[in-house]
Amino acid sequence: MSLPVMTFDERYRAIDARDVRFDGQFVTAVRSTRIYCRPSCPARTPKPENVTFFPTSAAAHEAGYRACKRCLPEAAPGSPEWNLRGDAAARAMRLIADGVVEREGVPGLAARLGYSSRHLTRLLTTELGAGPLALARAHRAHTARMLLVGTDMPIADVVFSAGFASIRQAGDTIREVFGMTPSELRARRHRTGACAPGEIDLLLPHREPLDAAGIFAWMSARALPGVEQATPTSFARHLRMPGGPAWFEIREQDGRLRLRARVTRLGDLTPLVATARRLFDLDADPMAVDAALSAHPELADAVARTPGIRVPGAADPHEMLIRAMVGQQITVVAARTALTSLADALGEASTGSESGDQGILFPTMTAIAERGAEVLRGPAARIRAITHAAASLADGSLRLTVGDDAAEQRAALIAMPGIGPWTADYVGMRVLGDPDVFLPGDVAVRAGAAALGIPADPAGLTVWAGRTAPWRSYLTAHLWRAAPVRPTRTRPIRTRPIRTEESS
């Protein structure tokens, strides 16, 4: 699934118009200056014969270009293409952002994607202009620049937070990419105000418009006391990362989003930022989504009322599956109560917020597998399904990551007892950030469709929704919002008693 590839002329018109919509989607390399820029760079538009377009900054680095000091292309929002596409290249980019290369190396990344290291390098070089090491190196450079100009962290801490193995390696890479030393980048630091010791505070770039109120409200309705805390303008939570407990807060401030975070191990900072961005769908292209959906008369008013709607992601894929399974067939309030009891009984203590307050880490899959039946309430078949899923995640027989192939992930989930199409698709929407998932059996989706004059029966709704591809996840979000009496949960219609082999 992908949008038509832009031609050279289309890209050139975008840079000539300095169109911010395309920032992060490609970079413009100028042969006469050996510099690459974001499409909206305010510098004079180069002559067409001097321009080469690259899909990634890493490809421009590999071709011998350095980043523009004026437009800072590395500070652009991420490309929405990595969610829109489901091929190996897109999956690799999601996993690289999640820190897989730093933790497992290129062989680990290749194994997750089902390729040899050599074949993956050939594939990514062909598709993206750079191999996995170069892509990871570019990502480290971007992270280092972000931390150098956006925080007061010591340069040594920045180096290791970005994933570099040594200060010398970081210095060489930063000079090559940006034409500046780490100290020179630090001189451009933006003062962000005082942070508690050990915390970072960063701006989260994104494309406008953004329905911030809507996504904060979504998080607030589902926040688990102790694990999460939400207000109309902020969301915070404790999270288990590979290096230990972490805490982060996303807040709206002066019309922008900022991230405040604390990690146990510096190397967890980069994947934590990536997690925060996925959670709030910050790499989306809202203007493209809104333009496509508003072209349908039934949706035009809904899009006008809520421009820049986002589809919430998942902080942790394993946790997301458990939350979805617990929430099957019950209200959001009931699911929140059940999940709070689960976290209180089986979660672990975590201190991570700036105040030092103790919070709770969502239970491990091992804890849920072993003791979930003592805490969970409801039909025995559902409880067995939840504990079985947790056990499968714990022992690795069920894999669930941000880099999964969408079709394979869905098939693996549906093969599990107690997981049906609604749950598998909902998890794919939240975990993979798949923009083209639709839930025709969802009660709120059907209610919203009826309110907007769209066929509300599952078959008719499915056919109608097909015309909004590849943005059906955003259609789903608008239909949830349009439901006349907005339910306190989203769920599939229950047509028969729940049995172990079905969940929706």
Protein backbone atom coordinates (compact mmCIF):
# COMPACT_ATOMS: atom_id res chain seq x y z
CA MET A 1 0.00 0.00 0.00
CA SER A 2 1.49 3.35 -1.06
CA LEU A 3 0.64 6.59 -2.71
CA PRO A 4 1.77 7.29 -6.29
CA VAL A 5 5.47 8.18 -6.45
CA MET A 6 6.04 11.88 -6.96
CA THR A 7 7.73 12.88 -10.18
CA PHE A 8 10.74 15.18 -10.37
CA ASP A 9 8.52 18.03 -11.58
CA GLU A 10 6.06 17.55 -8.71
CA ARG A 11 8.88 17.63 -6.16
CA TYR A 12 10.44 20.65 -7.81
CA ARG A 13 7.14 22.55 -7.70
CA ALA A 14 6.94 21.68 -3.99
CA ILE A 15 10.38 23.14 -3.23
CA ASP A 16 9.73 26.18 -5.44
CA ALA A 17 6.57 26.83 -3.38
CA ARG A 18 8.46 26.06 -0.14
CA ASP A 19 5.60 23.75 0.74
CA VAL A 20 5.92 22.64 4.40
CA ARG A 21 3.59 19.68 3.76
CA PHE A 22 6.48 17.79 2.20
CA ASP A 23 9.04 18.40 4.96
CA GLY A 24 10.33 15.01 6.08
CA GLN A 25 9.02 13.22 2.99
CA PHE A 26 12.10 13.80 0.86
CA VAL A 27 15.21 15.98 0.84
CA THR A 28 16.60 18.22 -1.89
CA ALA A 29 20.32 17.91 -2.63
CA VAL A 30 22.02 20.74 -4.53
CA ARG A 31 25.05 19.67 -6.53
CA SER A 32 26.56 23.16 -6.76
CA THR A 33 26.71 23.60 -2.96
CA ARG A 34 26.84 19.93 -1.85
CA ILE A 35 24.09 20.73 0.69
CA TYR A 36 20.71 19.07 1.17
CA CYS A 37 17.59 20.85 2.45
CA ARG A 38 14.01 20.24 3.47
CA PRO A 39 11.41 21.19 0.82
CA SER A 40 10.38 24.36 2.66
CA CYS A 41 13.92 25.76 2.94
CA PRO A 42 13.74 29.58 2.63
CA ALA A 43 16.94 29.75 0.55
CA ARG A 44 16.75 30.63 -3.14
CA THR A 45 15.32 27.79 -5.21
CA PRO A 46 18.18 26.03 -7.01
CA LYS A 47 18.15 25.47 -10.75
CA PRO A 48 16.52 22.17 -11.76
CA GLU A 49 19.71 20.92 -13.38
CA ASN A 50 21.50 21.22 -10.01
CA VAL A 51 18.88 19.31 -8.02
CA THR A 52 18.76 15.67 -6.95
CA PHE A 53 15.96 14.37 -4.71
CA PHE A 54 16.62 11.67 -2.13
CA PRO A 55 14.03 9.70 -0.15
CA THR A 56 16.05 9.92 3.07
CA SER A 57 18.73 12.13 4.58
CA ALA A 58 20.89 9.02 4.92
CA ALA A 59 20.92 8.66 1.13
CA ALA A 60 22.05 12.27 0.81
CA HIS A 61 24.80 11.65 3.39
CA GLU A 62 25.98 8.60 1.48
CA ALA A 63 26.10 10.66 -1.72
CA GLY A 64 28.41 13.21 -0.06
CA TYR A 65 25.99 15.99 0.90
CA ARG A 66 25.71 17.70 4.29
CA ALA A 67 22.68 19.17 6.01
CA CYS A 68 21.64 22.77 5.50
CA LYS A 69 22.40 24.93 8.54
CA ARG A 70 19.53 27.25 7.70
CA CYS A 71 16.51 24.93 7.39
CA LEU A 72 17.82 22.03 9.54
CA PRO A 73 16.24 19.18 7.52
CA GLU A 74 16.94 16.75 10.35
CA ALA A 75 14.47 18.69 12.52
CA ALA A 76 11.53 18.00 10.19
CA PRO A 77 8.76 15.62 11.26
CA GLY A 78 9.27 12.01 10.22
CA SER A 79 7.94 10.74 6.92
CA PRO A 80 4.36 9.39 6.97
CA GLU A 81 5.48 6.96 4.26
CA TRP A 82 6.88 4.47 6.79
CA ASN A 83 3.38 3.88 8.16
CA LEU A 84 1.61 4.13 4.83
CA ARG A 85 3.91 1.56 3.27
CA GLY A 86 4.00 -1.97 4.61
CA ASP A 87 7.02 -3.28 2.72
CA ALA A 88 10.35 -4.35 4.17
CA ALA A 89 11.91 -0.91 3.72
CA ALA A 90 9.16 0.81 5.69
CA ARG A 91 9.23 -1.87 8.40
CA ALA A 92 13.00 -1.46 8.63
CA MET A 93 12.67 2.29 9.11
CA ARG A 94 10.20 1.80 11.96
CA LEU A 95 12.50 -0.71 13.65
CA ILE A 96 15.57 1.50 13.19
CA ALA A 97 13.71 4.36 14.88
CA ASP A 98 12.84 1.94 17.67
CA GLY A 99 16.57 1.35 18.33
CA VAL A 100 16.81 -2.23 17.03
CA VAL A 101 20.17 -1.69 15.28
CA GLU A 102 21.71 -0.30 18.48
CA ARG A 103 20.41 -3.24 20.53
CA GLU A 104 20.69 -6.13 18.08
CA GLY A 105 22.87 -4.92 15.21
CA VAL A 106 22.14 -5.30 11.52
CA PRO A 107 21.88 -9.12 11.86
CA GLY A 108 19.10 -8.65 14.43
CA LEU A 109 17.26 -6.18 12.20
CA ALA A 110 17.60 -8.53 9.23
CA ALA A 111 16.36 -11.52 11.25
CA ARG A 112 13.27 -9.59 12.35
CA LEU A 113 12.48 -8.87 8.71
CA GLY A 114 13.23 -12.39 7.49
CA TYR A 115 16.29 -11.56 5.37
CA SER A 116 20.03 -12.08 5.48
CA SER A 117 22.09 -9.01 6.38
CA ARG A 118 23.51 -8.87 2.86
CA HIS A 119 20.13 -9.05 1.17
CA LEU A 120 18.63 -6.44 3.52
CA THR A 121 21.52 -4.07 2.76
CA ARG A 122 20.95 -4.52 -0.98
CA LEU A 123 17.21 -4.03 -0.61
CA LEU A 124 17.44 -0.85 1.48
CA THR A 125 20.18 0.63 -0.69
CA THR A 126 18.02 0.09 -3.76
CA GLU A 127 14.83 1.42 -2.14
CA LEU A 128 16.16 4.19 0.10
CA GLY A 129 19.63 5.00 -1.19
CA ALA A 130 21.41 3.77 1.95
CA GLY A 131 21.94 0.52 3.83
CA PRO A 132 20.82 -0.22 7.40
CA LEU A 133 24.05 0.97 9.01
CA ALA A 134 23.90 4.28 7.15
CA LEU A 135 20.22 4.71 7.99
CA ALA A 136 20.90 4.02 11.67
CA ARG A 137 23.88 6.38 11.58
CA ALA A 138 21.71 9.15 10.12
CA HIS A 139 19.11 8.53 12.80
CA ARG A 140 21.79 8.84 15.51
CA ALA A 141 22.98 12.12 14.00
CA HIS A 142 19.43 13.47 13.97
CA THR A 143 18.92 12.49 17.60
CA ALA A 144 22.23 14.02 18.65
CA ARG A 145 21.38 17.32 16.92
CA MET A 146 17.95 17.34 18.54
CA LEU A 147 19.44 16.85 22.01
CA LEU A 148 22.33 19.26 21.50
CA VAL A 149 20.10 22.17 20.46
CA GLY A 150 17.05 21.25 22.52
CA THR A 151 18.43 20.27 25.93
CA ASP A 152 21.15 21.09 28.44
CA MET A 153 22.37 17.48 28.58
CA PRO A 154 26.17 17.15 28.77
CA ILE A 155 27.63 16.37 25.36
CA ALA A 156 28.88 12.97 26.55
CA ASP A 157 25.35 12.04 27.63
CA VAL A 158 24.00 13.22 24.29
CA VAL A 159 26.44 10.95 22.47
CA PHE A 160 25.37 7.81 24.26
CA SER A 161 21.69 8.74 24.30
CA ALA A 162 21.83 9.01 20.51
CA GLY A 163 23.28 5.51 20.23
CA PHE A 164 26.89 6.31 19.35
CA ALA A 165 29.57 3.98 20.67
CA SER A 166 32.07 6.73 21.45
CA ILE A 167 32.46 10.50 21.61
CA ARG A 168 34.95 10.39 18.74
CA GLN A 169 32.55 8.46 16.52
CA ALA A 170 29.80 10.96 17.29
CA GLY A 171 32.05 13.92 16.59
CA ASP A 172 33.15 12.54 13.22
CA THR A 173 29.55 11.78 12.18
CA ILE A 174 28.14 15.12 13.32
CA ARG A 175 30.88 17.05 11.50
CA GLU A 176 30.29 15.05 8.35
CA VAL A 177 26.50 15.42 8.41
CA PHE A 178 26.09 18.99 9.67
CA GLY A 179 29.44 20.62 8.92
CA MET A 180 29.67 21.57 12.60
CA THR A 181 31.21 20.09 15.71
CA PRO A 182 29.01 19.00 18.62
CA SER A 183 30.14 22.11 20.52
CA GLU A 184 29.13 24.36 17.63
CA LEU A 185 25.71 22.73 17.51
CA ARG A 186 25.40 23.15 21.27
CA ALA A 187 25.99 26.88 20.81
CA ARG A 188 22.67 26.97 18.95
CA ARG A 189 20.84 25.54 21.95
CA HIS A 190 17.27 26.69 22.54
CA ARG A 191 16.66 27.53 26.17
CA THR A 192 13.74 25.45 27.39
CA GLY A 193 13.61 26.41 31.04
CA ALA A 194 14.70 24.48 34.06
CA CYS A 195 14.32 20.69 34.11
CA ALA A 196 14.67 18.38 37.05
CA PRO A 197 18.05 16.63 37.20
CA GLY A 198 18.18 13.72 34.79
CA GLU A 199 15.24 14.90 32.65
CA ILE A 200 15.07 16.12 29.09
CA ASP A 201 12.55 18.52 27.62
CA LEU A 202 12.12 18.55 23.83
CA LEU A 203 9.90 20.03 21.17
CA LEU A 204 7.99 17.39 19.18
CA PRO A 205 7.75 18.64 15.58
CA HIS A 206 4.65 17.67 13.60
CA ARG A 207 2.62 18.74 10.62
CA GLU A 208 -0.36 21.01 11.16
CA PRO A 209 -3.24 20.86 11.73
CA LEU A 210 -3.30 18.73 14.87
CA ASP A 211 -6.42 17.76 16.82
CA ALA A 212 -4.55 17.88 20.12
CA ALA A 213 -7.71 18.21 22.22
CA GLY A 214 -9.14 15.07 20.68
CA ILE A 215 -6.12 12.88 21.28
CA PHE A 216 -5.67 14.12 24.85
CA ALA A 217 -9.35 13.34 25.48
CA TRP A 218 -8.88 9.82 24.06
CA MET A 219 -5.92 9.22 26.37
CA SER A 220 -7.76 10.67 29.37
CA ALA A 221 -10.75 8.34 28.93
CA ARG A 222 -8.45 5.30 28.97
CA ALA A 223 -5.70 6.35 31.41
CA LEU A 224 -4.96 3.80 34.13
CA PRO A 225 -4.39 5.46 37.53
CA GLY A 226 -0.82 4.92 38.68
CA VAL A 227 0.37 3.87 35.23
CA GLU A 228 -0.86 6.94 33.38
CA GLN A 229 -2.05 10.46 34.13
CA ALA A 230 -3.98 12.66 31.72
CA THR A 231 -5.40 16.18 31.62
CA PRO A 232 -7.01 18.14 28.76
CA THR A 233 -3.53 19.31 27.71
CA SER A 234 -1.14 16.58 28.85
CA PHE A 235 -0.55 12.85 29.03
CA ALA A 236 2.10 11.12 31.15
CA ARG A 237 2.93 7.54 31.90
CA HIS A 238 5.46 5.11 33.30
CA LEU A 239 6.86 2.65 30.80
CA ARG A 240 9.17 -0.34 30.81
CA MET A 241 12.10 0.10 28.41
CA PRO A 242 14.98 -2.33 27.61
CA GLY A 243 17.31 -0.49 30.01
CA GLY A 244 14.83 -0.16 32.86
CA PRO A 245 11.83 1.95 33.93
CA ALA A 246 11.15 5.23 32.13
CA TRP A 247 8.68 8.06 32.45
CA PHE A 248 7.50 10.59 29.90
CA GLU A 249 4.98 13.39 29.56
CA ILE A 250 3.59 14.92 26.36
CA ARG A 251 2.04 18.32 26.91
CA GLU A 252 0.59 21.14 24.85
CA GLN A 253 2.33 24.43 25.47
CA ASP A 254 1.88 27.63 23.46
CA GLY A 255 0.24 25.69 20.64
CA ARG A 256 3.10 23.19 20.38
CA LEU A 257 3.76 19.75 21.79
CA ARG A 258 6.67 19.14 24.12
CA LEU A 259 8.10 15.94 25.55
CA ARG A 260 9.56 15.65 29.01
CA ALA A 261 11.19 12.34 29.81
CA ARG A 262 13.39 10.43 32.20
CA VAL A 263 15.11 7.12 31.41
CA THR A 264 17.17 4.65 33.41
CA ARG A 265 19.64 4.04 30.57
CA LEU A 266 20.64 6.80 28.18
CA GLY A 267 20.36 4.49 25.18
CA ASP A 268 16.60 4.21 25.78
CA LEU A 269 15.99 7.88 25.09
CA THR A 270 15.90 7.61 21.29
CA PRO A 271 13.34 4.76 21.18
CA LEU A 272 11.32 6.57 23.87
CA VAL A 273 11.04 9.64 21.64
CA ALA A 274 9.98 7.37 18.76
CA THR A 275 7.36 5.78 21.04
CA ALA A 276 5.95 9.18 22.01
CA ARG A 277 5.71 10.18 18.35
CA ARG A 278 3.89 6.96 17.43
CA LEU A 279 1.54 7.30 20.39
CA PHE A 280 0.34 10.70 19.18
CA ASP A 281 0.62 9.89 15.44
CA LEU A 282 2.95 12.85 14.94
CA ASP A 283 4.39 11.72 11.61
CA ALA A 284 0.99 11.77 9.91
CA ASP A 285 0.29 13.96 6.89
CA PRO A 286 -2.99 15.57 8.06
CA MET A 287 -3.44 17.80 5.04
CA ALA A 288 -3.33 14.81 2.69
CA VAL A 289 -5.73 12.88 4.94
CA ASP A 290 -8.15 15.80 5.32
CA ALA A 291 -8.10 16.59 1.60
CA ALA A 292 -8.87 12.99 0.67
CA LEU A 293 -11.66 12.49 3.22
CA SER A 294 -13.32 15.87 2.75
CA ALA A 295 -13.69 15.13 -0.96
CA HIS A 296 -16.62 12.90 0.04
CA PRO A 297 -19.69 15.05 0.78
CA GLU A 298 -20.74 12.84 3.70
CA LEU A 299 -17.43 13.59 5.47
CA ALA A 300 -16.81 17.21 4.52
CA ASP A 301 -18.46 18.74 7.59
CA ALA A 302 -16.85 16.23 9.96
CA VAL A 303 -13.38 17.02 8.61
CA ALA A 304 -14.07 20.75 8.80
CA ARG A 305 -15.11 20.37 12.47
CA THR A 306 -12.05 18.30 13.36
CA PRO A 307 -9.11 19.08 11.09
CA GLY A 308 -5.94 17.13 11.73
CA ILE A 309 -7.57 14.19 13.50
CA ARG A 310 -5.04 11.60 14.69
CA VAL A 311 -5.19 7.84 15.24
CA PRO A 312 -3.62 7.05 18.65
CA GLY A 313 -0.73 4.58 18.64
CA ALA A 314 0.50 2.21 21.33
CA ALA A 315 3.15 2.79 23.98
CA ASP A 316 3.90 -0.94 24.13
CA PRO A 317 2.69 -3.55 21.60
CA HIS A 318 2.30 -6.37 24.15
CA GLU A 319 0.39 -4.16 26.55
CA MET A 320 -1.83 -2.99 23.68
CA LEU A 321 -2.95 -6.55 22.92
CA ILE A 322 -3.86 -7.22 26.54
CA ARG A 323 -5.75 -3.94 26.81
CA ALA A 324 -7.67 -4.70 23.62
CA MET A 325 -8.57 -8.20 24.79
CA VAL A 326 -9.70 -7.01 28.22
CA GLY A 327 -11.80 -4.32 26.56
CA GLN A 328 -13.66 -6.69 24.25
CA GLN A 329 -17.43 -6.52 24.69
CA ILE A 330 -17.34 -4.13 27.66
CA THR A 331 -17.37 -0.36 28.08
CA VAL A 332 -14.27 1.80 28.28
CA VAL A 333 -15.09 2.52 31.93
CA ALA A 334 -15.38 -1.19 32.74
CA ALA A 335 -12.19 -1.97 30.84
CA ARG A 336 -10.36 0.80 32.66
CA THR A 337 -11.53 -0.59 35.99
CA ALA A 338 -10.41 -4.13 35.10
CA LEU A 339 -7.05 -2.99 33.78
CA THR A 340 -6.46 -0.78 36.81
CA SER A 341 -7.05 -3.78 39.07
CA LEU A 342 -4.64 -5.81 36.95
CA ALA A 343 -1.96 -3.11 37.17
CA ASP A 344 -2.46 -2.59 40.92
CA ALA A 345 -2.19 -6.31 41.63
CA LEU A 346 0.57 -7.34 39.22
CA GLY A 347 2.39 -4.16 38.20
CA GLU A 348 5.79 -3.08 39.50
CA ALA A 349 6.65 0.17 41.26
CA SER A 350 8.44 2.83 39.23
CA THR A 351 9.78 6.26 40.14
CA GLY A 352 10.19 8.40 37.09
CA SER A 353 8.30 11.68 37.20
CA GLU A 354 9.97 14.99 37.92
CA SER A 355 8.45 15.06 41.38
CA GLY A 356 9.80 11.63 42.22
CA ASP A 357 6.28 10.29 42.73
CA GLN A 358 6.05 6.53 42.57
CA GLY A 359 4.02 5.10 39.75
CA ILE A 360 3.23 1.68 38.37
CA LEU A 361 4.63 -0.19 35.41
CA PHE A 362 2.02 -2.18 33.49
CA PRO A 363 2.41 -5.87 34.41
CA THR A 364 4.82 -8.04 32.45
CA MET A 365 3.40 -10.69 30.17
CA THR A 366 4.91 -13.35 32.46
CA ALA A 367 3.07 -11.93 35.47
CA ILE A 368 -0.24 -11.85 33.57
CA ALA A 369 0.28 -15.39 32.28
CA GLU A 370 1.01 -16.73 35.75
CA ARG A 371 -1.37 -14.71 37.91
CA GLY A 372 -3.82 -12.96 35.62
CA ALA A 373 -6.54 -15.49 36.35
CA GLU A 374 -6.41 -14.48 40.03
CA VAL A 375 -7.27 -10.86 39.19
CA LEU A 376 -9.30 -10.82 35.99
CA ARG A 377 -13.08 -11.18 36.17
CA GLY A 378 -15.53 -12.32 33.54
CA PRO A 379 -16.14 -15.40 31.39
CA ALA A 380 -13.58 -18.13 32.03
CA ALA A 381 -12.96 -18.56 28.30
CA ARG A 382 -12.00 -14.89 27.95
CA ILE A 383 -9.65 -15.05 30.93
CA ARG A 384 -7.99 -18.17 29.52
CA ALA A 385 -7.59 -16.40 26.18
CA ILE A 386 -5.93 -13.38 27.81
CA THR A 387 -3.52 -15.41 29.94
CA HIS A 388 -2.70 -17.63 26.96
CA ALA A 389 -1.91 -14.59 24.81
CA ALA A 390 0.30 -13.20 27.58
CA ALA A 391 2.13 -16.52 27.88
CA SER A 392 2.67 -16.65 24.12
CA LEU A 393 4.10 -13.14 24.12
CA ALA A 394 6.31 -13.97 27.11
CA ASP A 395 7.83 -17.10 25.57
CA GLY A 396 8.16 -15.60 22.10
CA SER A 397 5.80 -17.96 20.32
CA LEU A 398 3.71 -14.88 19.45
CA ARG A 399 5.67 -11.93 18.16
CA LEU A 400 4.15 -8.47 18.19
CA THR A 401 6.31 -5.48 17.21
CA VAL A 402 6.11 -2.16 15.38
CA GLY A 403 8.03 -3.71 12.48
CA ASP A 404 5.73 -6.65 11.76
CA ASP A 405 4.29 -7.37 8.35
CA ALA A 406 0.64 -6.32 8.69
CA ALA A 407 -0.88 -9.39 7.06
CA GLU A 408 1.34 -11.78 8.99
CA GLN A 409 0.62 -10.03 12.28
CA ARG A 410 -3.12 -10.19 11.66
CA ALA A 411 -3.00 -13.88 10.75
CA ALA A 412 -0.92 -14.71 13.83
CA LEU A 413 -3.34 -12.89 16.11
CA ILE A 414 -6.48 -14.41 14.62
CA ALA A 415 -4.92 -17.86 15.03
CA MET A 416 -4.87 -17.28 18.80
CA PRO A 417 -7.84 -18.46 20.92
CA GLY A 418 -10.18 -15.61 21.79
CA ILE A 419 -8.86 -13.13 19.21
CA GLY A 420 -11.12 -12.27 16.29
CA PRO A 421 -10.92 -9.85 13.35
CA TRP A 422 -11.97 -6.76 15.34
CA THR A 423 -9.23 -7.23 17.94
CA ALA A 424 -6.56 -8.12 15.38
CA ASP A 425 -7.41 -5.12 13.21
CA TYR A 426 -7.65 -2.75 16.18
CA VAL A 427 -4.22 -3.89 17.39
CA GLY A 428 -2.79 -3.43 13.89
CA MET A 429 -4.18 0.08 13.76
CA ARG A 430 -2.65 1.01 17.12
CA VAL A 431 0.65 -0.93 17.02
CA LEU A 432 1.69 -0.58 13.39
CA GLY A 433 0.18 2.85 12.85
CA ASP A 434 -1.49 1.38 9.78
CA PRO A 435 -3.50 4.26 8.23
CA ASP A 436 -5.83 1.97 6.28
CA VAL A 437 -7.57 -0.22 8.88
CA PHE A 438 -11.35 -0.25 9.10
CA LEU A 439 -13.63 -1.73 11.77
CA PRO A 440 -17.06 -2.19 10.18
CA GLY A 441 -18.41 -4.23 13.09
CA ASP A 442 -17.60 -1.57 15.69
CA VAL A 443 -20.68 -0.17 17.43
CA ALA A 444 -19.44 3.42 17.52
CA VAL A 445 -18.23 3.27 13.92
CA ARG A 446 -21.68 2.19 12.74
CA ALA A 447 -23.41 4.82 14.88
CA GLY A 448 -21.14 7.51 13.48
CA ALA A 449 -21.74 6.32 9.93
CA ALA A 450 -25.51 6.51 10.40
CA ALA A 451 -25.18 10.03 11.80
CA LEU A 452 -23.26 11.14 8.71
CA GLY A 453 -25.58 9.54 6.20
CA ILE A 454 -23.23 6.67 5.34
CA PRO A 455 -24.54 3.08 5.07
CA ALA A 456 -24.43 1.65 8.60
CA ASP A 457 -24.77 -2.07 7.92
CA PRO A 458 -21.36 -3.84 8.00
CA ALA A 459 -21.44 -4.94 4.35
CA GLY A 460 -22.60 -1.60 2.97
CA LEU A 461 -20.27 0.33 5.26
CA THR A 462 -17.29 -1.80 4.20
CA VAL A 463 -17.99 -1.11 0.53
CA TRP A 464 -18.47 2.61 1.13
CA ALA A 465 -15.30 2.87 3.24
CA GLY A 466 -13.27 1.37 0.40
CA ARG A 467 -13.45 4.67 -1.45
CA THR A 468 -11.46 6.37 1.33
CA ALA A 469 -8.43 4.06 1.07
CA PRO A 470 -5.63 4.39 2.04
CA TRP A 471 -6.97 6.49 4.92
CA ARG A 472 -9.60 4.21 6.45
CA SER A 473 -8.07 4.40 9.94
CA TYR A 474 -8.73 8.15 9.89
CA LEU A 475 -12.23 7.52 8.56
CA THR A 476 -12.71 5.25 11.58
CA ALA A 477 -11.54 8.04 13.90
CA HIS A 478 -14.02 10.48 12.35
CA LEU A 479 -16.88 7.99 12.66
CA TRP A 480 -16.03 7.40 16.33
CA ARG A 481 -16.17 11.16 16.82
CA ALA A 482 -19.46 11.49 14.93
CA ALA A 483 -21.39 8.90 16.98
CA PRO A 484 -24.43 10.85 18.32
CA VAL A 485 -24.16 9.62 21.90
CA ARG A 486 -20.49 8.97 22.00
CA PRO A 487 -19.94 5.58 23.64
CA THR A 488 -17.40 5.34 26.42
CA ARG A 489 -15.70 2.53 24.51
CA THR A 490 -15.22 1.15 21.02
CA ARG A 491 -16.16 -2.45 20.53
CA PRO A 492 -17.40 -4.92 17.97
CA ILE A 493 -21.04 -5.92 17.93
CA ARG A 494 -21.70 -9.00 19.99
CA THR A 495 -23.80 -11.32 17.89
CA ARG A 496 -23.49 -14.52 19.90
CA PRO A 497 -22.08 -15.70 23.24
CA ILE A 498 -18.30 -15.39 23.47
CA ARG A 499 -16.46 -18.63 22.98
CA THR A 500 -12.76 -19.27 23.25
CA GLU A 501 -12.30 -19.25 19.49
CA GLU A 502 -13.83 -15.81 18.88
CA SER A 503 -13.64 -12.35 20.35
CA SER A 504 -15.86 -10.28 18.12
